[in-house]
PDB file of N, CA and C in Angstrom:
ATOM      1  N   MET A   1      -3.126  -3.645   0.254  1.00  0.00           N
ATOM      2  CA  MET A   1      -1.834  -4.315   0.296  1.00  0.00           C
ATOM      3  C   MET A   1      -1.039  -3.989   1.303  1.00  0.00           C
ATOM      4  N   ILE A   2      -0.750  -4.629   2.027  1.00  0.00           N
ATOM      5  CA  ILE A   2       0.175  -4.627   3.499  1.00  0.00           C
ATOM      6  C   ILE A   2       1.640  -3.849   2.896  1.00  0.00           C
ATOM      7  N   ASP A   3       1.872  -2.662   3.780  1.00  0.00           N
ATOM      8  CA  ASP A   3       3.871  -2.141   3.198  1.00  0.00           C
ATOM      9  C   ASP A   3       4.431  -2.927   4.408  1.00  0.00           C
ATOM     10  N   TYR A   4       5.318  -3.745   3.790  1.00  0.00           N
ATOM     11  CA  TYR A   4       6.273  -4.289   5.102  1.00  0.00           C
ATOM     12  C   TYR A   4       7.436  -3.400   4.482  1.00  0.00           C
ATOM     13  N   GLN A   5       7.658  -1.973   4.464  1.00  0.00           N
ATOM     14  CA  GLN A   5       9.083  -1.915   4.586  1.00  0.00           C
ATOM     15  C   GLN A   5       9.658  -1.493   5.034  1.00  0.00           C
ATOM     16  N   TYR A   6       8.507  -0.892   6.380  1.00  0.00           N
ATOM     17  CA  TYR A   6       9.346  -0.122   7.314  1.00  0.00           C
ATOM     18  C   TYR A   6      10.075  -1.373   8.483  1.00  0.00           C
ATOM     19  N   PHE A   7       8.943  -2.438   8.601  1.00  0.00           N
ATOM     20  CA  PHE A   7       9.405  -3.474   9.553  1.00  0.00           C
ATOM     21  C   PHE A   7      10.029  -3.936   8.752  1.00  0.00           C
ATOM     22  N   GLN A   8      11.261  -4.413   7.229  1.00  0.00           N
ATOM     23  CA  GLN A   8      12.284  -5.073   7.024  1.00  0.00           C
ATOM     24  C   GLN A   8      13.416  -3.881   7.211  1.00  0.00           C
ATOM     25  N   LYS A   9      12.916  -3.210   7.132  1.00  0.00           N
ATOM     26  CA  LYS A   9      13.847  -1.424   7.528  1.00  0.00           C
ATOM     27  C   LYS A   9      14.401  -1.510   8.685  1.00  0.00           C
ATOM     28  N   SER A  10      13.683  -1.885   9.922  1.00  0.00           N
ATOM     29  CA  SER A  10      13.905  -2.561  11.176  1.00  0.00           C
ATOM     30  C   SER A  10      14.881  -3.184  11.616  1.00  0.00           C
ATOM     31  N   LEU A  11      13.914  -4.452  10.558  1.00  0.00           N
ATOM     32  CA  LEU A  11      14.828  -6.101  11.140  1.00  0.00           C
ATOM     33  C   LEU A  11      16.230  -5.378  10.428  1.00  0.00           C
ATOM     34  N   ASN A  12      16.183  -5.306   9.448  1.00  0.00           N
ATOM     35  CA  ASN A  12      17.691  -4.962   9.205  1.00  0.00           C
ATOM     36  C   ASN A  12      18.432  -4.075   9.430  1.00  0.00           C
ATOM     37  N   HIS A  13      18.346  -3.077  10.094  1.00  0.00           N
ATOM     38  CA  HIS A  13      18.829  -2.557  11.077  1.00  0.00           C
ATOM     39  C   HIS A  13      19.269  -3.211  12.211  1.00  0.00           C
ATOM     40  N   LEU A  14      18.389  -3.827  12.878  1.00  0.00           N
ATOM     41  CA  LEU A  14      18.228  -4.976  14.186  1.00  0.00           C
ATOM     42  C   LEU A  14      19.430  -5.959  13.640  1.00  0.00           C
ATOM     43  N   GLN A  15      19.628  -6.207  12.541  1.00  0.00           N
ATOM     44  CA  GLN A  15      20.677  -7.807  12.230  1.00  0.00           C
ATOM     45  C   GLN A  15      21.917  -6.823  11.645  1.00  0.00           C
ATOM     46  N   ALA A  16      22.374  -6.104  11.125  1.00  0.00           N
ATOM     47  CA  ALA A  16      23.573  -5.395  11.389  1.00  0.00           C
ATOM     48  C   ALA A  16      24.233  -4.001  12.761  1.00  0.00           C
ATOM     49  N   GLN A  17      23.372  -4.150  13.593  1.00  0.00           N
ATOM     50  CA  GLN A  17      23.836  -3.987  15.038  1.00  0.00           C
ATOM     51  C   GLN A  17      23.834  -4.475  15.818  1.00  0.00           C
ATOM     52  N   PHE A  18      22.874  -5.928  15.593  1.00  0.00           N
ATOM     53  CA  PHE A  18      23.398  -7.183  16.512  1.00  0.00           C
ATOM     54  C   PHE A  18      25.317  -7.937  15.924  1.00  0.00           C
ATOM     55  N   LEU A  19      25.409  -8.001  14.885  1.00  0.00           N
ATOM     56  CA  LEU A  19      26.731  -8.364  13.808  1.00  0.00           C
ATOM     57  C   LEU A  19      27.862  -7.164  14.713  1.00  0.00           C
ATOM     58  N   ASN A  20      27.217  -5.857  14.437  1.00  0.00           N
ATOM     59  CA  ASN A  20      28.472  -5.359  15.231  1.00  0.00           C
ATOM     60  C   ASN A  20      28.408  -5.555  16.058  1.00  0.00           C
ATOM     61  N   TYR A  21      27.426  -5.986  16.937  1.00  0.00           N
ATOM     62  CA  TYR A  21      28.064  -5.795  18.852  1.00  0.00           C
ATOM     63  C   TYR A  21      28.413  -7.471  18.593  1.00  0.00           C
ATOM     64  N   GLN A  22      28.154  -8.691  18.216  1.00  0.00           N
ATOM     65  CA  GLN A  22      29.151  -9.755  18.264  1.00  0.00           C
ATOM     66  C   GLN A  22      30.419  -9.906  17.434  1.00  0.00           C
ATOM     67  N   SER A  23      30.656  -8.565  16.754  1.00  0.00           N
ATOM     68  CA  SER A  23      32.388  -8.391  16.510  1.00  0.00           C
ATOM     69  C   SER A  23      33.046  -7.093  17.125  1.00  0.00           C
ATOM     70  N   LEU A  24      32.730  -7.161  18.153  1.00  0.00           N
ATOM     71  CA  LEU A  24      33.063  -5.983  19.443  1.00  0.00           C
ATOM     72  C   LEU A  24      34.195  -5.836  19.633  1.00  0.00           C
ATOM     73  N   ASP A  25      35.067  -5.102  19.647  1.00  0.00           N
ATOM     74  CA  ASP A  25      36.824  -5.601  20.021  1.00  0.00           C
ATOM     75  C   ASP A  25      36.402  -5.712  21.814  1.00  0.00           C
ATOM     76  N   PRO A  26      36.751  -7.021  22.508  1.00  0.00           N
ATOM     77  CA  PRO A  26      37.166  -7.255  24.332  1.00  0.00           C
ATOM     78  C   PRO A  26      37.604  -6.346  24.356  1.00  0.00           C
ATOM     79  N   ALA A  27      38.503  -4.954  23.893  1.00  0.00           N
ATOM     80  CA  ALA A  27      39.605  -4.604  23.922  1.00  0.00           C
ATOM     81  C   ALA A  27      39.040  -2.653  24.362  1.00  0.00           C
ATOM     82  N   LEU A  28      37.594  -2.949  23.796  1.00  0.00           N
ATOM     83  CA  LEU A  28      36.902  -1.668  24.319  1.00  0.00           C
ATOM     84  C   LEU A  28      36.668  -1.266  25.496  1.00  0.00           C
ATOM     85  N   PRO A  29      36.902  -0.287  25.767  1.00  0.00           N
ATOM     86  CA  PRO A  29      36.130   0.098  27.094  1.00  0.00           C
ATOM     87  C   PRO A  29      34.571  -0.213  27.307  1.00  0.00           C
ATOM     88  N   LYS A  30      34.639  -0.405  28.374  1.00  0.00           N
ATOM     89  CA  LYS A  30      32.834  -1.389  28.893  1.00  0.00           C
ATOM     90  C   LYS A  30      32.090  -0.601  28.337  1.00  0.00           C
ATOM     91  N   LEU A  31      32.315   0.962  28.844  1.00  0.00           N
ATOM     92  CA  LEU A  31      31.082   1.525  28.565  1.00  0.00           C
ATOM     93  C   LEU A  31      30.793   1.733  27.415  1.00  0.00           C
ATOM     94  N   MET A  32      31.663   1.900  26.134  1.00  0.00           N
ATOM     95  CA  MET A  32      31.448   1.573  24.683  1.00  0.00           C
ATOM     96  C   MET A  32      30.233  -0.018  24.566  1.00  0.00           C
ATOM     97  N   GLN A  33      30.810  -0.870  25.054  1.00  0.00           N
ATOM     98  CA  GLN A  33      30.508  -1.942  24.773  1.00  0.00           C
ATOM     99  C   GLN A  33      28.779  -2.254  25.378  1.00  0.00           C
ATOM    100  N   GLU A  34      29.034  -1.404  26.396  1.00  0.00           N
ATOM    101  CA  GLU A  34      27.552  -1.713  26.947  1.00  0.00           C
ATOM    102  C   GLU A  34      26.851  -0.668  25.856  1.00  0.00           C
ATOM    103  N   ALA A  35      27.140   0.278  25.362  1.00  0.00           N
ATOM    104  CA  ALA A  35      26.494   1.413  24.547  1.00  0.00           C
ATOM    105  C   ALA A  35      26.021   0.408  23.390  1.00  0.00           C
ATOM    106  N   VAL A  36      27.138   0.064  23.031  1.00  0.00           N
ATOM    107  CA  VAL A  36      26.231  -0.707  21.718  1.00  0.00           C
ATOM    108  C   VAL A  36      25.689  -2.257  22.027  1.00  0.00           C
ATOM    109  N   ALA A  37      25.588  -2.873  23.005  1.00  0.00           N
ATOM    110  CA  ALA A  37      24.630  -3.705  23.773  1.00  0.00           C
ATOM    111  C   ALA A  37      23.054  -2.725  23.813  1.00  0.00           C
ATOM    112  N   GLU A  38      23.065  -1.449  24.349  1.00  0.00           N
ATOM    113  CA  GLU A  38      21.607  -0.995  24.221  1.00  0.00           C
ATOM    114  C   GLU A  38      21.201  -0.563  23.226  1.00  0.00           C
ATOM    115  N   SER A  39      22.023  -0.383  21.805  1.00  0.00           N
ATOM    116  CA  SER A  39      21.146  -0.028  20.816  1.00  0.00           C
ATOM    117  C   SER A  39      20.549  -1.445  20.430  1.00  0.00           C
ATOM    118  N   VAL A  40      21.480  -2.524  20.621  1.00  0.00           N
ATOM    119  CA  VAL A  40      20.611  -3.281  19.899  1.00  0.00           C
ATOM    120  C   VAL A  40      19.567  -3.773  20.521  1.00  0.00           C
ATOM    121  N   ILE A  41      19.206  -3.631  22.162  1.00  0.00           N
ATOM    122  CA  ILE A  41      18.116  -3.574  22.507  1.00  0.00           C
ATOM    123  C   ILE A  41      17.325  -2.462  21.874  1.00  0.00           C
ATOM    124  N   GLN A  42      17.490  -1.554  21.653  1.00  0.00           N
ATOM    125  CA  GLN A  42      16.477  -0.207  20.954  1.00  0.00           C
ATOM    126  C   GLN A  42      16.151  -1.017  19.868  1.00  0.00           C
ATOM    127  N   ARG A  43      16.979  -1.533  19.272  1.00  0.00           N
ATOM    128  CA  ARG A  43      16.775  -2.046  17.768  1.00  0.00           C
ATOM    129  C   ARG A  43      15.832  -3.188  17.956  1.00  0.00           C
ATOM    130  N   PHE A  44      16.056  -3.731  18.383  1.00  0.00           N
ATOM    131  CA  PHE A  44      14.889  -5.151  18.748  1.00  0.00           C
ATOM    132  C   PHE A  44      13.653  -4.586  19.557  1.00  0.00           C
ATOM    133  N   GLU A  45      13.141  -3.263  20.306  1.00  0.00           N
ATOM    134  CA  GLU A  45      12.152  -2.889  20.240  1.00  0.00           C
ATOM    135  C   GLU A  45      11.731  -2.180  19.211  1.00  0.00           C
ATOM    136  N   VAL A  46      12.597  -1.362  18.673  1.00  0.00           N
ATOM    137  CA  VAL A  46      11.652  -1.023  17.116  1.00  0.00           C
ATOM    138  C   VAL A  46      11.231  -1.759  16.370  1.00  0.00           C
ATOM    139  N   CYS A  47      11.685  -2.970  16.187  1.00  0.00           N
ATOM    140  CA  CYS A  47      11.559  -3.785  15.496  1.00  0.00           C
ATOM    141  C   CYS A  47      10.169  -4.322  15.381  1.00  0.00           C
ATOM    142  N   TYR A  48      10.423  -4.768  17.349  1.00  0.00           N
ATOM    143  CA  TYR A  48       9.057  -5.315  17.494  1.00  0.00           C
ATOM    144  C   TYR A  48       8.158  -4.559  17.324  1.00  0.00           C
ATOM    145  N   ASP A  49       8.202  -3.094  17.704  1.00  0.00           N
ATOM    146  CA  ASP A  49       7.357  -2.645  17.564  1.00  0.00           C
ATOM    147  C   ASP A  49       6.414  -2.197  15.723  1.00  0.00           C
ATOM    148  N   CYS A  50       7.485  -2.186  14.862  1.00  0.00           N
ATOM    149  CA  CYS A  50       6.893  -2.263  13.022  1.00  0.00           C
ATOM    150  C   CYS A  50       6.495  -3.853  13.015  1.00  0.00           C
ATOM    151  N   LEU A  51       6.739  -4.792  13.637  1.00  0.00           N
ATOM    152  CA  LEU A  51       6.002  -6.469  13.821  1.00  0.00           C
ATOM    153  C   LEU A  51       4.746  -5.876  14.415  1.00  0.00           C
ATOM    154  N   TRP A  52       4.508  -5.369  15.246  1.00  0.00           N
ATOM    155  CA  TRP A  52       3.451  -5.907  15.919  1.00  0.00           C
ATOM    156  C   TRP A  52       2.087  -4.819  15.053  1.00  0.00           C
ATOM    157  N   LYS A  53       2.665  -3.718  15.000  1.00  0.00           N
ATOM    158  CA  LYS A  53       1.557  -3.049  13.477  1.00  0.00           C
ATOM    159  C   LYS A  53       1.077  -3.605  12.435  1.00  0.00           C
ATOM    160  N   VAL A  54       2.190  -4.044  11.539  1.00  0.00           N
ATOM    161  CA  VAL A  54       2.373  -5.416  10.223  1.00  0.00           C
ATOM    162  C   VAL A  54       1.173  -5.897  10.923  1.00  0.00           C
ATOM    163  N   LEU A  55       1.354  -6.810  12.149  1.00  0.00           N
ATOM    164  CA  LEU A  55       0.395  -8.188  12.843  1.00  0.00           C
ATOM    165  C   LEU A  55      -0.789  -7.767  11.980  1.00  0.00           C
ATOM    166  N   LYS A  56      -0.923  -6.591  13.067  1.00  0.00           N
ATOM    167  CA  LYS A  56      -2.591  -5.954  13.480  1.00  0.00           C
ATOM    168  C   LYS A  56      -3.341  -5.534  12.139  1.00  0.00           C
ATOM    169  N   ARG A  57      -2.386  -4.823  10.858  1.00  0.00           N
ATOM    170  CA  ARG A  57      -2.468  -4.555  10.200  1.00  0.00           C
ATOM    171  C   ARG A  57      -3.299  -5.569   8.988  1.00  0.00           C
ATOM    172  N   TYR A  58      -2.571  -6.759   9.805  1.00  0.00           N
ATOM    173  CA  TYR A  58      -2.955  -7.917   8.425  1.00  0.00           C
ATOM    174  C   TYR A  58      -4.107  -8.759   9.067  1.00  0.00           C
ATOM    175  N   LEU A  59      -4.109  -8.527  10.637  1.00  0.00           N
ATOM    176  CA  LEU A  59      -5.721  -9.308  11.401  1.00  0.00           C
ATOM    177  C   LEU A  59      -7.003  -8.852  10.954  1.00  0.00           C
ATOM    178  N   VAL A  60      -6.315  -7.019  10.774  1.00  0.00           N
ATOM    179  CA  VAL A  60      -7.975  -6.346  10.780  1.00  0.00           C
ATOM    180  C   VAL A  60      -8.048  -6.028   8.737  1.00  0.00           C
ATOM    181  N   GLU A  61      -7.039  -6.534   7.883  1.00  0.00           N
ATOM    182  CA  GLU A  61      -7.184  -6.005   6.776  1.00  0.00           C
ATOM    183  C   GLU A  61      -7.637  -7.664   6.136  1.00  0.00           C
ATOM    184  N   VAL A  62      -7.243  -8.230   6.937  1.00  0.00           N
ATOM    185  CA  VAL A  62      -6.654  -9.779   5.670  1.00  0.00           C
ATOM    186  C   VAL A  62      -7.520 -10.534   6.100  1.00  0.00           C
ATOM    187  N   LEU A  63      -7.875 -10.606   7.723  1.00  0.00           N
ATOM    188  CA  LEU A  63      -8.396 -11.655   8.143  1.00  0.00           C
ATOM    189  C   LEU A  63     -10.115 -10.886   9.148  1.00  0.00           C
ATOM    190  N   GLY A  64     -10.109  -9.928   8.746  1.00  0.00           N
ATOM    191  CA  GLY A  64     -11.114  -9.292   9.508  1.00  0.00           C
ATOM    192  C   GLY A  64     -11.732  -8.955  10.860  1.00  0.00           C
ATOM    193  N   ILE A  65     -10.231  -9.236  11.311  1.00  0.00           N
ATOM    194  CA  ILE A  65     -10.933  -8.810  12.590  1.00  0.00           C
ATOM    195  C   ILE A  65     -10.890  -7.349  13.283  1.00  0.00           C
ATOM    196  N   PRO A  66     -12.139  -7.422  13.733  1.00  0.00           N
ATOM    197  CA  PRO A  66     -12.283  -5.866  13.835  1.00  0.00           C
ATOM    198  C   PRO A  66     -10.987  -4.779  15.013  1.00  0.00           C
ATOM    199  N   GLU A  67     -10.866  -5.419  15.793  1.00  0.00           N
ATOM    200  CA  GLU A  67      -9.717  -5.171  16.668  1.00  0.00           C
ATOM    201  C   GLU A  67      -9.183  -5.508  17.721  1.00  0.00           C
ATOM    202  N   VAL A  68      -7.662  -5.655  17.933  1.00  0.00           N
ATOM    203  CA  VAL A  68      -6.830  -6.561  18.584  1.00  0.00           C
ATOM    204  C   VAL A  68      -6.221  -5.321  19.320  1.00  0.00           C
ATOM    205  N   PRO A  69      -6.346  -5.744  20.710  1.00  0.00           N
ATOM    206  CA  PRO A  69      -5.537  -5.225  21.549  1.00  0.00           C
ATOM    207  C   PRO A  69      -3.943  -5.821  21.827  1.00  0.00           C
ATOM    208  N   LYS A  70      -3.066  -4.833  21.938  1.00  0.00           N
ATOM    209  CA  LYS A  70      -1.799  -5.275  21.956  1.00  0.00           C
ATOM    210  C   LYS A  70      -1.669  -6.454  23.186  1.00  0.00           C
ATOM    211  N   ARG A  71      -1.859  -6.051  23.920  1.00  0.00           N
ATOM    212  CA  ARG A  71      -1.679  -7.052  25.041  1.00  0.00           C
ATOM    213  C   ARG A  71      -2.126  -8.924  24.554  1.00  0.00           C
ATOM    214  N   ALA A  72      -3.279  -8.903  23.806  1.00  0.00           N
ATOM    215  CA  ALA A  72      -3.105  -9.898  22.762  1.00  0.00           C
ATOM    216  C   ALA A  72      -1.774 -11.085  22.454  1.00  0.00           C
ATOM    217  N   LEU A  73      -1.062 -10.105  22.249  1.00  0.00           N
ATOM    218  CA  LEU A  73       0.488 -10.836  21.940  1.00  0.00           C
ATOM    219  C   LEU A  73       0.809 -11.329  23.243  1.00  0.00           C
ATOM    220  N   ILE A  74       1.061 -10.595  24.286  1.00  0.00           N
ATOM    221  CA  ILE A  74       1.276 -11.253  25.838  1.00  0.00           C
ATOM    222  C   ILE A  74       1.796 -12.305  25.947  1.00  0.00           C
ATOM    223  N   PRO A  75       0.802 -13.334  25.902  1.00  0.00           N
ATOM    224  CA  PRO A  75       1.037 -15.080  26.312  1.00  0.00           C
ATOM    225  C   PRO A  75       2.121 -15.186  25.308  1.00  0.00           C
ATOM    226  N   TYR A  76       2.401 -14.751  24.214  1.00  0.00           N
ATOM    227  CA  TYR A  76       3.394 -15.119  22.739  1.00  0.00           C
ATOM    228  C   TYR A  76       4.887 -14.552  23.415  1.00  0.00           C
ATOM    229  N   THR A  77       4.932 -13.696  24.423  1.00  0.00           N
ATOM    230  CA  THR A  77       6.454 -12.908  24.200  1.00  0.00           C
ATOM    231  C   THR A  77       7.838 -13.355  24.938  1.00  0.00           C
ATOM    232  N   ILE A  78       8.877 -13.167  24.864  1.00  0.00           N
ATOM    233  CA  ILE A  78       9.677 -13.755  25.798  1.00  0.00           C
ATOM    234  C   ILE A  78       9.146 -13.590  26.646  1.00  0.00           C
ATOM    235  N   THR A  79       9.250 -12.350  27.106  1.00  0.00           N
ATOM    236  CA  THR A  79       8.648 -11.783  29.346  1.00  0.00           C
ATOM    237  C   THR A  79       7.967 -12.758  29.626  1.00  0.00           C
ATOM    238  N   ALA A  80       7.075 -13.044  28.800  1.00  0.00           N
ATOM    239  CA  ALA A  80       5.889 -13.993  29.630  1.00  0.00           C
ATOM    240  C   ALA A  80       6.390 -15.537  29.689  1.00  0.00           C
ATOM    241  N   ALA A  81       7.196 -15.465  29.107  1.00  0.00           N
ATOM    242  CA  ALA A  81       7.520 -17.103  29.645  1.00  0.00           C
ATOM    243  C   ALA A  81       8.115 -17.360  30.896  1.00  0.00           C
ATOM    244  N   LYS A  82       7.542 -18.664  31.378  1.00  0.00           N
ATOM    245  CA  LYS A  82       7.867 -19.216  32.831  1.00  0.00           C
ATOM    246  C   LYS A  82       9.228 -18.789  33.689  1.00  0.00           C
ATOM    247  N   LYS A  83       9.164 -18.172  34.100  1.00  0.00           N
ATOM    248  CA  LYS A  83      10.432 -18.133  34.943  1.00  0.00           C
ATOM    249  C   LYS A  83      10.592 -19.070  36.759  1.00  0.00           C
ATOM    250  N   PRO A  84      11.292 -19.401  36.621  1.00  0.00           N
ATOM    251  CA  PRO A  84      11.658 -20.012  37.278  1.00  0.00           C
ATOM    252  C   PRO A  84      11.304 -19.768  38.483  1.00  0.00           C
ATOM    253  N   LYS A  85      10.662 -20.082  40.206  1.00  0.00           N
ATOM    254  CA  LYS A  85      10.416 -19.384  41.145  1.00  0.00           C
ATOM    255  C   LYS A  85      11.341 -19.557  42.257  1.00  0.00           C
ATOM    256  N   ARG A  86      11.585 -18.691  43.033  1.00  0.00           N
ATOM    257  CA  ARG A  86      12.286 -18.727  43.579  1.00  0.00           C
ATOM    258  C   ARG A  86      11.894 -19.056  45.473  1.00  0.00           C
ATOM    259  N   VAL A  87      12.906 -19.467  45.845  1.00  0.00           N
ATOM    260  CA  VAL A  87      12.184 -20.075  47.334  1.00  0.00           C
ATOM    261  C   VAL A  87      12.964 -18.867  48.225  1.00  0.00           C
ATOM    262  N   CYS A  88      12.342 -18.936  49.159  1.00  0.00           N
ATOM    263  CA  CYS A  88      12.676 -17.679  50.462  1.00  0.00           C
ATOM    264  C   CYS A  88      13.063 -18.454  50.978  1.00  0.00           C
ATOM    265  N   ARG A  89      14.542 -18.380  51.670  1.00  0.00           N
ATOM    266  CA  ARG A  89      14.859 -19.161  52.765  1.00  0.00           C
ATOM    267  C   ARG A  89      14.996 -18.300  54.190  1.00  0.00           C
TER     268      ARG A  89
END
């Protein structure tokens, strides 16, 4: 049985910190706003890592795929989305 506890916990932390970011007082110093934004990014990275570990375990244990490299997910990530080409003039 696959344990989703760490992924669920990381997702809850991400949601809580994102809500904190959305409700920031605009009067706060810029440095504080950036610190909270960076915290949201860090929580996202941890959540993504936990998701990868759960997904990999599922693919190996349930579907019987012997080995799944992390780069197998790259075509499906946000960073792999096609970016508009810049025209140099």
